[in-house]
Amino acid sequence: MYEKSKNYINEHALFIALLFALGLGLFLRFKGLTFQSYWFDEIFSIKISNPNNSVAFVYEKTMGDVHPPFYQSLLWFWYQIFGFNEYAGRALSALSGSLGVFVLYLLGKELYNKEVGIYASFIGGTNYFLILYSQEVRSNIILFLFSALSYLYFSKLLKNHSKQNLFFYLLFSILAIYTHYFGFFLVASQVFVFLFYLIIDKEKRVALFKLALLSAFLMLIALAPLIERIIEHIHTQSYWMQAPDALFFIDYLKAYILSPFLEKIFLLLAVVSIGSLFFKKLYSHSTALLFLWIVMGFLLPYIKSITGFSILIERSMIIVIPALIVLVAYGIYLLKVYWLKIAVIGAIVFLALYHLYRMDYYSKVSKDQFRETLVAIEQTKKDAIVYDFIMHNLHDNRYKSNFFENYGVLLGSKLKIRPAVELKDRCANDTMPQYFWVVHAHKDFLWNARILQKEQMQKVLTIDKHQAQAILYTYQSDSQKCQKDKNESTNTINSMPLL
């Protein structure tokens, strides 16, 4: 029995290792899924994809923002099936991130072999950055998944020009672009990889060129609905992101790892992989593909950011992380000694898990505590109206919809949450409630908001929850104040001694 078990393990060692990697990745992504409150961007997602909205509303509002419509539409359908609650929204991202771990295996296997794929799945499964965005109701981890799938079938298509490979390549590339506009940079990086293959593979040049024309034509047709919006983005004069310096990618790479020990290990393994390009016996087209994917993936948005308004931010560069992971995994494979390979991948997994533990990832508050703020309000004075100052442009009717109200609905809260513009209107009409709350994601704004500086308004209580803040005010109108002053004067006269 023991011998049979031992033989089974030896024969299926890679499969068992893959199951362990996938299980670990799944566990780390679903663990503590709703420990952190939703933060600003996540509440924007639920505001758009509220299942009470129509599909047309979701499409229109998303296209009016800086993102394409696929993720918000997918989230809307997801809420229709699994309900409008905190766990459901984040479960979509956690599931996508878990699938991404498996796709890393498929990508490593396709470019090299099963062993590289398993190393890649362990690295991706325990990566802090990927876990973080697998626990947010945002499109980033979906972009990661489609980026890996796009390059997976792009690689397959370069080797075998089958209709099936073409279909799946176009499908996942188009979905990547409809998920995030950085999908364009992903596809643009593939153009340079294609040119590389066009140069080195003389026999297939004609076939490759025809394939490229067909792919470009079909992709342009599929992306036609986005063209008008893309033109609008091109003419945008500025954006909130700062222009990057020439070495921005170093900071980004550190952010993806966030562990000084792992940084050194990954750097060494990446050097080993890239160095293999200069040795004839070790040279691989797959390594060249990964190298071009990373270089052009970073370079193209950098050029856009220094020649126009900046668009670079580390989370959008998630499009290159699959390539970085597989490159590091290949570096492990190139180590000649078997026990050294096991020791290195074991050290990577251990250090990644230790880093999560050391930084208290699953127990330390790191996001705006909107949820806890609403709970504290409900427990303190829930009958007072809550005015949401997050969308605080009081002169623009577009901001009559508010963030906290949407989050309150998601949480099943009974609080009366209204946009701040209504507070301005009530103040002008002198129809203010005696007590009311004001809430914001950044407490400095509430202390300095001009509308809250009137003499009739007095602070009663302040609730601070990480960055989020709520202040309970009491209001006394001029007529009430006048009557109070008159009563105080009468009491004063009556209490004066008679002469």
Protein backbone atom coordinates (compact mmCIF):
# COMPACT_ATOMS: atom_id res chain seq x y z
CA MET A 1 0.00 0.00 0.00
CA TYR A 2 2.80 2.37 0.95
CA GLU A 3 4.69 1.56 -2.27
CA LYS A 4 1.59 2.15 -4.36
CA SER A 5 1.00 5.51 -2.71
CA LYS A 6 4.65 6.45 -3.19
CA ASN A 7 4.56 5.45 -6.85
CA TYR A 8 1.32 7.39 -7.40
CA ILE A 9 2.82 10.52 -5.84
CA ASN A 10 5.97 10.19 -7.95
CA GLU A 11 3.95 9.71 -11.14
CA HIS A 12 1.57 12.54 -10.40
CA ALA A 13 3.90 14.90 -8.55
CA LEU A 14 3.36 17.80 -10.95
CA PHE A 15 -0.42 17.39 -10.88
CA ILE A 16 -0.45 17.29 -7.06
CA ALA A 17 1.81 20.36 -6.94
CA LEU A 18 -0.55 22.19 -9.31
CA LEU A 19 -3.59 21.35 -7.17
CA PHE A 20 -1.77 22.62 -4.09
CA ALA A 21 -0.81 25.87 -5.86
CA LEU A 22 -4.38 26.43 -7.08
CA GLY A 23 -5.84 25.60 -3.66
CA LEU A 24 -3.42 27.96 -1.93
CA GLY A 25 -4.21 30.75 -4.40
CA LEU A 26 -7.95 30.21 -3.94
CA PHE A 27 -7.64 30.24 -0.14
CA LEU A 28 -5.56 33.43 -0.03
CA ARG A 29 -8.03 35.26 -2.27
CA PHE A 30 -11.22 34.29 -0.45
CA LYS A 31 -9.77 34.60 3.06
CA GLY A 32 -11.01 37.76 4.83
CA LEU A 33 -12.80 38.83 1.66
CA THR A 34 -15.03 41.39 3.37
CA PHE A 35 -12.77 42.29 6.31
CA GLN A 36 -11.95 45.65 4.72
CA SER A 37 -14.71 48.13 4.02
CA TYR A 38 -15.36 49.05 0.39
CA TRP A 39 -13.36 52.16 -0.50
CA PHE A 40 -14.05 55.02 -2.90
CA ASP A 41 -13.41 53.26 -6.23
CA GLU A 42 -15.29 50.15 -5.17
CA ILE A 43 -18.32 52.21 -4.21
CA PHE A 44 -18.16 53.81 -7.65
CA SER A 45 -18.40 50.29 -9.09
CA ILE A 46 -21.50 49.39 -7.09
CA LYS A 47 -23.03 52.79 -7.84
CA ILE A 48 -22.86 52.03 -11.55
CA SER A 49 -23.65 48.30 -11.39
CA ASN A 50 -26.49 48.44 -8.88
CA PRO A 51 -28.88 45.70 -10.11
CA ASN A 52 -31.76 48.20 -9.91
CA ASN A 53 -30.14 50.12 -12.77
CA SER A 54 -30.81 49.14 -16.37
CA VAL A 55 -28.16 47.66 -18.64
CA ALA A 56 -28.41 50.81 -20.77
CA PHE A 57 -27.68 52.93 -17.67
CA VAL A 58 -24.61 50.82 -16.83
CA TYR A 59 -23.28 51.13 -20.38
CA GLU A 60 -23.94 54.87 -20.65
CA LYS A 61 -22.44 55.78 -17.27
CA THR A 62 -19.37 53.60 -17.73
CA MET A 63 -18.69 54.98 -21.21
CA GLY A 64 -18.97 58.45 -19.69
CA ASP A 65 -16.18 57.56 -17.27
CA VAL A 66 -12.56 56.67 -18.06
CA HIS A 67 -13.22 52.93 -18.38
CA PRO A 68 -14.81 50.70 -21.03
CA PRO A 69 -18.11 49.00 -20.14
CA PHE A 70 -17.35 45.27 -19.89
CA TYR A 71 -16.44 44.94 -16.20
CA GLN A 72 -19.35 47.06 -14.95
CA SER A 73 -21.77 45.14 -17.15
CA LEU A 74 -20.36 41.82 -15.93
CA LEU A 75 -20.68 43.01 -12.32
CA TRP A 76 -24.31 44.01 -12.97
CA PHE A 77 -25.13 40.52 -14.28
CA TRP A 78 -23.23 38.97 -11.36
CA TYR A 79 -25.35 40.94 -8.86
CA GLN A 80 -28.52 39.82 -10.67
CA ILE A 81 -27.54 36.19 -10.04
CA PHE A 82 -25.83 36.26 -6.63
CA GLY A 83 -27.45 39.26 -4.96
CA PHE A 84 -26.41 42.82 -4.20
CA ASN A 85 -24.09 42.46 -1.21
CA GLU A 86 -20.46 42.99 -0.22
CA TYR A 87 -19.38 39.38 -0.52
CA ALA A 88 -20.87 38.80 -3.96
CA GLY A 89 -19.07 41.76 -5.55
CA ARG A 90 -15.68 40.81 -4.20
CA ALA A 91 -16.25 37.11 -4.89
CA LEU A 92 -16.28 37.92 -8.62
CA SER A 93 -12.78 39.39 -8.32
CA ALA A 94 -11.54 36.61 -6.04
CA LEU A 95 -12.77 33.98 -8.48
CA SER A 96 -11.18 35.83 -11.41
CA GLY A 97 -7.90 36.08 -9.53
CA SER A 98 -8.01 32.36 -8.74
CA LEU A 99 -8.63 31.55 -12.41
CA GLY A 100 -5.67 33.80 -13.18
CA VAL A 101 -3.42 31.50 -11.13
CA PHE A 102 -4.47 28.56 -13.33
CA VAL A 103 -3.94 30.61 -16.50
CA LEU A 104 -0.40 31.37 -15.31
CA TYR A 105 0.17 27.61 -15.27
CA LEU A 106 -1.23 27.29 -18.80
CA LEU A 107 0.91 30.20 -20.01
CA GLY A 108 4.09 28.77 -18.49
CA LYS A 109 3.26 25.35 -19.91
CA GLU A 110 2.57 26.77 -23.37
CA LEU A 111 5.75 28.86 -23.51
CA TYR A 112 8.03 26.29 -21.86
CA ASN A 113 6.70 23.20 -20.04
CA LYS A 114 4.53 22.02 -17.14
CA GLU A 115 7.29 22.55 -14.58
CA VAL A 116 7.58 26.26 -15.44
CA GLY A 117 3.79 26.51 -15.35
CA ILE A 118 3.65 25.12 -11.81
CA TYR A 119 6.37 27.48 -10.61
CA ALA A 120 4.41 30.36 -12.15
CA SER A 121 1.18 29.28 -10.43
CA PHE A 122 2.92 29.19 -7.03
CA ILE A 123 4.48 32.62 -7.56
CA GLY A 124 1.23 34.18 -8.81
CA GLY A 125 -0.91 32.39 -6.24
CA THR A 126 1.01 33.91 -3.31
CA ASN A 127 1.76 37.31 -4.85
CA TYR A 128 0.60 40.15 -2.58
CA PHE A 129 -0.30 42.52 -5.42
CA LEU A 130 -2.50 39.99 -7.18
CA ILE A 131 -4.19 38.99 -3.91
CA LEU A 132 -4.90 42.65 -3.15
CA TYR A 133 -6.66 43.28 -6.45
CA SER A 134 -8.43 39.92 -6.25
CA GLN A 135 -10.22 41.38 -3.22
CA GLU A 136 -11.46 44.61 -4.76
CA VAL A 137 -14.62 45.33 -6.72
CA ARG A 138 -12.65 46.81 -9.61
CA SER A 139 -11.62 45.72 -13.08
CA ASN A 140 -7.86 45.35 -12.49
CA ILE A 141 -7.75 41.61 -11.76
CA ILE A 142 -10.08 40.91 -14.72
CA LEU A 143 -7.59 42.82 -16.88
CA PHE A 144 -4.81 40.61 -15.50
CA LEU A 145 -6.79 37.47 -16.37
CA PHE A 146 -7.55 38.58 -19.93
CA SER A 147 -3.98 39.79 -20.47
CA ALA A 148 -2.64 36.34 -19.61
CA LEU A 149 -5.28 34.62 -21.76
CA SER A 150 -4.65 36.96 -24.68
CA TYR A 151 -0.93 36.18 -24.71
CA LEU A 152 -1.60 32.49 -24.15
CA TYR A 153 -3.61 32.24 -27.37
CA PHE A 154 -1.37 34.73 -29.15
CA SER A 155 1.51 32.33 -28.54
CA LYS A 156 -0.61 29.39 -29.69
CA LEU A 157 -1.64 31.31 -32.81
CA LEU A 158 1.94 32.08 -33.80
CA LYS A 159 2.66 28.32 -33.75
CA ASN A 160 -0.63 27.08 -35.19
CA HIS A 161 -2.81 29.36 -37.33
CA SER A 162 -6.00 27.47 -36.53
CA LYS A 163 -9.42 29.11 -36.48
CA GLN A 164 -9.84 28.06 -32.85
CA ASN A 165 -6.65 29.81 -31.76
CA LEU A 166 -7.59 32.89 -33.77
CA PHE A 167 -11.07 32.99 -32.23
CA PHE A 168 -9.86 32.75 -28.63
CA TYR A 169 -7.01 35.20 -29.22
CA LEU A 170 -9.43 37.81 -30.61
CA LEU A 171 -11.98 37.07 -27.89
CA PHE A 172 -9.64 37.61 -24.95
CA SER A 173 -7.80 40.54 -26.54
CA ILE A 174 -11.07 42.34 -27.26
CA LEU A 175 -12.35 41.57 -23.75
CA ALA A 176 -9.12 42.98 -22.30
CA ILE A 177 -9.66 46.24 -24.19
CA TYR A 178 -13.36 46.38 -23.24
CA THR A 179 -12.30 45.85 -19.62
CA HIS A 180 -9.61 48.56 -19.49
CA TYR A 181 -8.09 50.87 -22.08
CA PHE A 182 -4.63 49.59 -21.12
CA GLY A 183 -5.69 46.52 -23.08
CA PHE A 184 -4.65 48.58 -26.13
CA PHE A 185 -1.09 48.69 -24.86
CA LEU A 186 -1.23 44.92 -24.35
CA VAL A 187 -2.25 44.37 -27.98
CA ALA A 188 0.25 47.00 -29.15
CA SER A 189 3.05 45.07 -27.41
CA GLN A 190 1.96 42.00 -29.39
CA VAL A 191 2.59 43.91 -32.60
CA PHE A 192 6.28 44.07 -31.71
CA VAL A 193 6.33 40.39 -30.85
CA PHE A 194 4.68 39.68 -34.20
CA LEU A 195 7.33 41.75 -36.02
CA PHE A 196 10.00 39.75 -34.21
CA TYR A 197 8.49 36.45 -35.42
CA LEU A 198 8.07 37.92 -38.90
CA ILE A 199 11.82 38.55 -39.00
CA ILE A 200 13.01 35.21 -37.63
CA ASP A 201 10.50 32.92 -39.37
CA LYS A 202 11.08 33.49 -43.06
CA GLU A 203 9.09 30.46 -44.21
CA LYS A 204 5.86 31.63 -42.54
CA ARG A 205 6.07 35.34 -43.39
CA VAL A 206 3.26 35.33 -45.93
CA ALA A 207 0.96 33.29 -43.67
CA LEU A 208 1.81 35.47 -40.66
CA PHE A 209 1.17 38.66 -42.60
CA LYS A 210 -2.25 37.44 -43.79
CA LEU A 211 -3.08 36.39 -40.24
CA ALA A 212 -2.11 39.83 -38.93
CA LEU A 213 -4.33 41.61 -41.48
CA LEU A 214 -7.29 39.38 -40.67
CA SER A 215 -6.81 39.84 -36.91
CA ALA A 216 -6.51 43.62 -37.23
CA PHE A 217 -9.62 43.83 -39.43
CA LEU A 218 -11.78 41.73 -37.10
CA MET A 219 -10.50 43.56 -34.04
CA LEU A 220 -11.28 46.98 -35.51
CA ILE A 221 -14.85 45.89 -36.25
CA ALA A 222 -15.29 44.62 -32.67
CA LEU A 223 -13.85 47.82 -31.18
CA ALA A 224 -15.90 50.22 -33.32
CA PRO A 225 -18.23 51.20 -30.41
CA LEU A 226 -15.20 52.44 -28.45
CA ILE A 227 -13.66 54.60 -31.17
CA GLU A 228 -15.59 57.78 -30.40
CA ARG A 229 -14.77 57.49 -26.71
CA ILE A 230 -11.11 56.80 -27.46
CA ILE A 231 -10.91 59.96 -29.58
CA GLU A 232 -12.34 61.93 -26.66
CA HIS A 233 -9.64 60.48 -24.38
CA ILE A 234 -6.93 61.44 -26.86
CA HIS A 235 -8.05 65.08 -26.73
CA THR A 236 -8.11 65.15 -22.93
CA GLN A 237 -5.74 67.88 -21.76
CA SER A 238 -4.90 66.61 -18.29
CA TYR A 239 -5.49 63.88 -15.75
CA TRP A 240 -4.85 63.53 -12.02
CA MET A 241 -1.83 61.25 -12.39
CA GLN A 242 1.64 62.77 -12.15
CA ALA A 243 4.12 62.44 -15.00
CA PRO A 244 6.46 59.46 -14.42
CA ASP A 245 10.23 59.68 -14.20
CA ALA A 246 12.48 57.56 -16.40
CA LEU A 247 12.93 54.86 -13.74
CA PHE A 248 9.26 54.58 -12.78
CA PHE A 249 9.21 50.86 -13.61
CA ILE A 250 11.63 50.11 -10.75
CA ASP A 251 9.16 51.51 -8.22
CA TYR A 252 6.35 49.57 -9.91
CA LEU A 253 8.26 46.30 -9.79
CA LYS A 254 8.94 46.83 -6.08
CA ALA A 255 5.24 47.52 -5.51
CA TYR A 256 4.35 44.23 -7.20
CA ILE A 257 6.59 42.31 -4.79
CA LEU A 258 6.68 44.50 -1.66
CA SER A 259 9.26 42.32 0.06
CA PRO A 260 13.01 43.18 0.04
CA PHE A 261 13.95 39.49 0.23
CA LEU A 262 11.73 38.48 -2.68
CA GLU A 263 12.96 41.47 -4.71
CA LYS A 264 16.50 40.11 -4.64
CA ILE A 265 15.42 36.54 -5.47
CA PHE A 266 13.18 37.65 -8.35
CA LEU A 267 15.86 39.98 -9.73
CA LEU A 268 18.41 37.18 -9.76
CA LEU A 269 16.01 34.73 -11.44
CA ALA A 270 14.95 37.33 -14.03
CA VAL A 271 18.62 37.99 -14.87
CA VAL A 272 19.14 34.23 -15.31
CA SER A 273 16.15 34.04 -17.69
CA ILE A 274 17.10 37.08 -19.76
CA GLY A 275 20.71 35.97 -19.79
CA SER A 276 19.65 32.74 -21.47
CA LEU A 277 18.90 34.79 -24.61
CA PHE A 278 22.64 35.20 -25.14
CA PHE A 279 23.44 31.48 -25.04
CA LYS A 280 22.64 29.45 -28.11
CA LYS A 281 21.88 26.23 -26.22
CA LEU A 282 19.47 28.01 -23.84
CA TYR A 283 17.95 30.52 -26.28
CA SER A 284 14.17 30.36 -26.59
CA HIS A 285 11.70 32.36 -28.67
CA SER A 286 9.39 32.25 -25.66
CA THR A 287 11.90 34.16 -23.54
CA ALA A 288 12.19 36.78 -26.28
CA LEU A 289 8.38 37.03 -26.34
CA LEU A 290 8.24 37.61 -22.58
CA PHE A 291 11.04 40.17 -22.77
CA LEU A 292 9.28 42.15 -25.52
CA TRP A 293 5.96 41.88 -23.65
CA ILE A 294 7.52 43.45 -20.55
CA VAL A 295 9.63 46.09 -22.29
CA MET A 296 6.95 47.30 -24.70
CA GLY A 297 4.24 46.94 -22.05
CA PHE A 298 6.11 49.47 -19.91
CA LEU A 299 7.51 51.62 -22.71
CA LEU A 300 4.34 52.38 -24.71
CA PRO A 301 2.27 53.89 -21.84
CA TYR A 302 5.42 55.70 -20.68
CA ILE A 303 5.80 57.37 -24.08
CA LYS A 304 2.12 58.34 -24.00
CA SER A 305 2.56 59.80 -20.50
CA ILE A 306 5.55 62.00 -21.34
CA THR A 307 4.18 63.21 -24.69
CA GLY A 308 0.70 64.02 -23.40
CA PHE A 309 -1.15 63.77 -20.11
CA SER A 310 0.08 61.05 -17.77
CA ILE A 311 -1.86 57.79 -17.59
CA LEU A 312 0.66 55.63 -15.75
CA ILE A 313 -0.31 54.06 -12.47
CA GLU A 314 1.02 50.80 -11.05
CA ARG A 315 -2.31 48.96 -10.93
CA SER A 316 -2.95 49.52 -14.65
CA MET A 317 0.43 48.01 -15.46
CA ILE A 318 -0.94 44.70 -14.22
CA ILE A 319 -0.89 43.79 -17.93
CA VAL A 320 2.83 42.91 -17.67
CA ILE A 321 2.70 40.92 -14.42
CA PRO A 322 1.92 37.55 -16.12
CA ALA A 323 5.10 37.95 -18.20
CA LEU A 324 7.17 38.90 -15.16
CA ILE A 325 5.95 35.86 -13.22
CA VAL A 326 6.58 33.38 -16.03
CA LEU A 327 10.02 34.90 -16.63
CA VAL A 328 10.92 34.37 -12.96
CA ALA A 329 9.46 30.84 -13.10
CA TYR A 330 11.66 30.04 -16.08
CA GLY A 331 14.66 31.27 -14.11
CA ILE A 332 13.90 28.61 -11.49
CA TYR A 333 13.62 25.97 -14.19
CA LEU A 334 17.07 26.88 -15.55
CA LEU A 335 18.67 25.96 -12.23
CA LYS A 336 20.34 22.61 -12.87
CA VAL A 337 20.08 21.06 -9.41
CA TYR A 338 16.62 19.63 -8.61
CA TRP A 339 16.76 20.20 -4.85
CA LEU A 340 17.83 23.81 -5.49
CA LYS A 341 14.72 24.38 -7.59
CA ILE A 342 12.53 23.02 -4.80
CA ALA A 343 14.39 25.12 -2.24
CA VAL A 344 13.96 28.32 -4.30
CA ILE A 345 10.24 27.92 -5.00
CA GLY A 346 9.73 26.87 -1.37
CA ALA A 347 11.57 29.99 -0.19
CA ILE A 348 9.48 32.19 -2.50
CA VAL A 349 6.20 30.78 -1.19
CA PHE A 350 7.38 30.97 2.43
CA LEU A 351 8.59 34.58 2.12
CA ALA A 352 5.39 35.63 0.33
CA LEU A 353 3.22 34.11 3.07
CA TYR A 354 5.48 35.51 5.79
CA HIS A 355 5.19 38.95 4.24
CA LEU A 356 1.39 38.74 4.31
CA TYR A 357 1.61 37.73 7.97
CA ARG A 358 4.16 40.42 8.88
CA MET A 359 2.11 43.21 7.34
CA ASP A 360 -1.10 41.94 9.01
CA TYR A 361 -2.75 41.84 5.60
CA TYR A 362 -5.87 40.03 6.82
CA SER A 363 -6.26 41.90 10.11
CA LYS A 364 -4.98 45.47 9.69
CA VAL A 365 -7.31 48.22 8.45
CA SER A 366 -5.89 49.81 5.31
CA LYS A 367 -8.93 51.17 3.46
CA ASP A 368 -11.39 53.97 4.17
CA GLN A 369 -13.85 52.62 6.71
CA PHE A 370 -17.05 53.71 5.04
CA ARG A 371 -18.91 50.67 6.33
CA GLU A 372 -17.82 51.21 9.94
CA THR A 373 -18.75 54.90 9.68
CA LEU A 374 -22.30 54.06 8.61
CA VAL A 375 -22.58 51.44 11.36
CA ALA A 376 -21.38 53.97 13.97
CA ILE A 377 -23.94 56.52 12.75
CA GLU A 378 -26.71 53.92 12.93
CA GLN A 379 -25.71 53.00 16.48
CA THR A 380 -25.46 56.64 17.63
CA LYS A 381 -28.30 58.65 16.09
CA LYS A 382 -29.89 56.87 13.15
CA ASP A 383 -32.97 59.12 12.87
CA ALA A 384 -30.93 62.12 11.67
CA ILE A 385 -30.46 62.69 7.94
CA VAL A 386 -26.97 61.88 6.62
CA TYR A 387 -25.54 64.26 3.99
CA ASP A 388 -22.88 62.76 1.75
CA PHE A 389 -20.05 65.19 0.97
CA ILE A 390 -17.94 62.83 -1.15
CA MET A 391 -19.46 64.22 -4.33
CA HIS A 392 -19.27 67.74 -2.97
CA ASN A 393 -19.68 69.94 -6.07
CA LEU A 394 -22.75 71.78 -4.82
CA HIS A 395 -23.19 73.72 -8.07
CA ASP A 396 -23.47 70.75 -10.41
CA ASN A 397 -26.70 68.76 -10.70
CA ARG A 398 -24.77 65.69 -11.88
CA TYR A 399 -23.75 65.10 -8.27
CA LYS A 400 -27.25 64.61 -6.87
CA SER A 401 -26.49 60.90 -6.74
CA ASN A 402 -24.20 59.99 -3.88
CA PHE A 403 -21.77 57.31 -2.81
CA PHE A 404 -22.75 56.55 0.77
CA GLU A 405 -26.38 56.00 -0.23
CA ASN A 406 -25.35 53.25 -2.65
CA TYR A 407 -23.13 51.62 -0.06
CA GLY A 408 -25.93 51.90 2.51
CA VAL A 409 -28.27 50.06 0.14
CA LEU A 410 -25.61 47.36 -0.37
CA LEU A 411 -25.29 46.97 3.42
CA GLY A 412 -29.05 46.96 3.96
CA SER A 413 -28.82 50.13 6.07
CA LYS A 414 -31.98 52.05 7.00
CA LEU A 415 -30.19 55.41 7.23
CA LYS A 416 -31.60 58.38 5.31
CA ILE A 417 -28.58 59.32 3.17
CA ARG A 418 -28.83 62.30 0.86
CA PRO A 419 -26.36 64.21 -1.37
CA ALA A 420 -24.72 67.34 0.06
CA VAL A 421 -26.33 69.55 -2.60
CA GLU A 422 -29.67 69.07 -0.80
CA LEU A 423 -28.15 70.46 2.39
CA LYS A 424 -27.27 73.63 0.51
CA ASP A 425 -30.84 73.95 -0.81
CA ARG A 426 -32.38 73.40 2.63
CA CYS A 427 -30.02 75.91 4.17
CA ALA A 428 -30.98 78.54 1.57
CA ASN A 429 -34.70 77.90 2.23
CA ASP A 430 -34.20 77.79 6.01
CA THR A 431 -35.77 74.34 6.20
CA MET A 432 -32.85 72.70 7.95
CA PRO A 433 -33.40 69.72 10.27
CA GLN A 434 -32.51 70.23 13.92
CA TYR A 435 -29.92 67.41 13.75
CA PHE A 436 -28.04 66.06 10.73
CA TRP A 437 -24.87 64.12 9.87
CA VAL A 438 -22.24 65.03 7.31
CA VAL A 439 -19.88 62.33 5.98
CA HIS A 440 -16.78 62.32 3.80
CA ALA A 441 -13.86 60.07 2.92
CA HIS A 442 -11.30 62.67 3.96
CA LYS A 443 -11.81 64.46 7.25
CA ASP A 444 -9.87 67.60 6.28
CA PHE A 445 -12.64 68.51 3.83
CA LEU A 446 -15.39 68.51 6.45
CA TRP A 447 -13.46 70.77 8.78
CA ASN A 448 -13.06 73.35 6.01
CA ALA A 449 -16.35 73.05 4.10
CA ARG A 450 -17.77 76.58 3.80
CA ILE A 451 -21.38 75.50 4.04
CA LEU A 452 -20.67 74.05 7.50
CA GLN A 453 -19.19 77.29 8.88
CA LYS A 454 -22.50 79.07 9.56
CA GLU A 455 -23.12 80.36 13.07
CA GLN A 456 -26.36 78.42 13.36
CA MET A 457 -24.52 75.11 12.95
CA GLN A 458 -22.83 73.55 15.95
CA LYS A 459 -20.81 70.33 16.09
CA VAL A 460 -22.23 67.79 18.52
CA LEU A 461 -20.18 64.64 17.83
CA THR A 462 -17.34 63.52 15.55
CA ILE A 463 -16.73 59.93 14.41
CA ASP A 464 -13.35 59.10 12.87
CA LYS A 465 -12.90 55.73 11.17
CA HIS A 466 -9.51 55.50 9.51
CA GLN A 467 -9.83 58.10 6.69
CA ALA A 468 -13.63 58.31 6.73
CA GLN A 469 -15.29 60.83 9.02
CA ALA A 470 -18.82 61.69 10.15
CA ILE A 471 -19.86 64.77 12.14
CA LEU A 472 -23.21 65.24 13.85
CA TYR A 473 -24.45 68.85 13.67
CA THR A 474 -27.28 70.67 15.34
CA TYR A 475 -28.86 73.64 13.56
CA GLN A 476 -30.72 76.64 14.94
CA SER A 477 -32.44 78.89 12.41
CA ASP A 478 -32.38 82.70 12.67
CA SER A 479 -36.01 82.76 13.82
CA GLN A 480 -35.31 80.15 16.49
CA LYS A 481 -32.18 82.04 17.54
CA CYS A 482 -34.14 85.31 17.68
CA GLN A 483 -36.82 83.72 19.87
CA LYS A 484 -34.15 82.19 22.11
CA ASP A 485 -32.41 85.58 22.47
CA LYS A 486 -35.78 87.25 23.28
CA ASN A 487 -36.53 84.63 25.96
CA GLU A 488 -33.07 85.04 27.43
CA SER A 489 -33.57 88.87 27.50
CA THR A 490 -36.98 88.54 29.18
CA ASN A 491 -35.56 86.16 31.77
CA THR A 492 -32.72 88.59 32.40
CA ILE A 493 -35.13 91.56 32.92
CA ASN A 494 -37.41 89.58 35.21
CA SER A 495 -34.49 88.53 37.31
CA MET A 496 -33.20 92.11 37.76
CA PRO A 497 -33.78 93.65 41.25
CA LEU A 498 -36.46 96.35 41.50
CA LEU A 499 -35.26 99.90 42.22
